[in-house]
Amino acid sequence: MIRKNISIDLKDKERAVKSLNVYYIDDKKIRLATHKGSKHFTLPSNIPEQAVKVTVEMMDSQKFSFSFGIRNGNRYN
């Protein structure tokens, strides 16, 4: 099985990002990756299956969040 890094880009061209926070589990610890002023993040390819939480604060003080799941293989036998 080939594992690839997971990359996400926010496509909003009109508003600037103040901070983008990504929460995920690695080595049984919760990790926080903070990206100041960036609309892009990449997760490592070796993280376990999980739900990833992302919070974004825009320069105009608007905030939003979203979650997505990561699966690392085929579940069909």
Protein backbone atom coordinates (compact mmCIF):
# COMPACT_ATOMS: atom_id res chain seq x y z
CA MET A 1 0.00 0.00 0.00
CA ILE A 2 1.33 3.43 -0.94
CA ARG A 3 0.61 6.18 1.56
CA LYS A 4 0.66 9.80 0.53
CA ASN A 5 0.64 13.03 2.46
CA ILE A 6 -2.74 14.73 2.76
CA SER A 7 -2.82 18.32 1.53
CA ILE A 8 -5.68 20.80 1.91
CA ASP A 9 -6.00 24.22 0.26
CA LEU A 10 -8.64 26.81 1.19
CA LYS A 11 -9.81 28.48 -2.01
CA ASP A 12 -11.21 31.77 -0.62
CA LYS A 13 -9.40 34.47 -2.62
CA GLU A 14 -11.21 37.44 -1.09
CA ARG A 15 -10.30 37.06 2.56
CA ALA A 16 -6.95 36.62 4.27
CA VAL A 17 -6.36 33.92 6.88
CA LYS A 18 -5.10 35.01 10.28
CA SER A 19 -4.48 31.48 11.58
CA LEU A 20 -5.26 27.91 10.59
CA ASN A 21 -5.09 25.26 13.34
CA VAL A 22 -5.06 21.54 12.57
CA TYR A 23 -5.63 19.00 15.37
CA TYR A 24 -4.73 15.33 14.84
CA ILE A 25 -3.37 12.33 16.77
CA ASP A 26 0.17 11.08 16.28
CA ASP A 27 2.05 8.69 18.59
CA LYS A 28 -1.02 8.58 20.89
CA LYS A 29 -0.76 12.34 21.51
CA ILE A 30 -2.92 15.16 20.23
CA ARG A 31 -0.87 17.35 17.90
CA LEU A 32 -1.59 20.93 16.95
CA ALA A 33 -0.16 22.38 13.77
CA THR A 34 -0.67 26.15 13.53
CA HIS A 35 -0.20 27.93 10.23
CA LYS A 36 -0.18 31.72 10.47
CA GLY A 37 -1.49 33.48 7.37
CA SER A 38 -1.60 30.29 5.31
CA LYS A 39 -4.49 28.72 3.42
CA HIS A 40 -2.65 25.41 2.97
CA PHE A 41 -1.60 22.54 5.22
CA THR A 42 -0.21 19.05 4.75
CA LEU A 43 -0.57 16.14 7.15
CA PRO A 44 2.08 13.41 7.43
CA SER A 45 1.37 10.17 5.60
CA ASN A 46 1.97 7.93 8.61
CA ILE A 47 -0.77 9.19 10.96
CA PRO A 48 -3.37 6.59 12.03
CA GLU A 49 -7.02 6.51 11.00
CA GLN A 50 -8.86 9.32 12.73
CA ALA A 51 -11.01 12.41 12.47
CA VAL A 52 -9.01 15.60 11.89
CA LYS A 53 -10.32 18.93 13.21
CA VAL A 54 -9.46 22.22 11.49
CA THR A 55 -10.25 25.70 12.82
CA VAL A 56 -9.69 28.83 10.75
CA GLU A 57 -9.70 32.47 11.85
CA MET A 58 -9.87 35.05 9.10
CA MET A 59 -8.36 38.55 9.33
CA ASP A 60 -11.89 40.02 9.48
CA SER A 61 -12.47 38.03 12.75
CA GLN A 62 -14.75 35.44 11.13
CA LYS A 63 -14.12 31.91 12.34
CA PHE A 64 -15.12 28.54 10.96
CA SER A 65 -14.17 24.93 11.47
CA PHE A 66 -14.53 21.62 9.73
CA SER A 67 -13.60 17.99 10.29
CA PHE A 68 -12.74 15.13 7.98
CA GLY A 69 -11.86 11.48 8.39
CA ILE A 70 -8.73 9.62 7.32
CA ARG A 71 -8.80 5.94 6.45
CA ASN A 72 -5.63 4.00 5.76
CA GLY A 73 -6.81 0.99 3.83
CA ASN A 74 -9.45 -1.10 2.23
CA ARG A 75 -11.99 -2.54 4.70
CA TYR A 76 -13.41 -5.18 2.35
CA ASN A 77 -12.26 -8.78 2.83
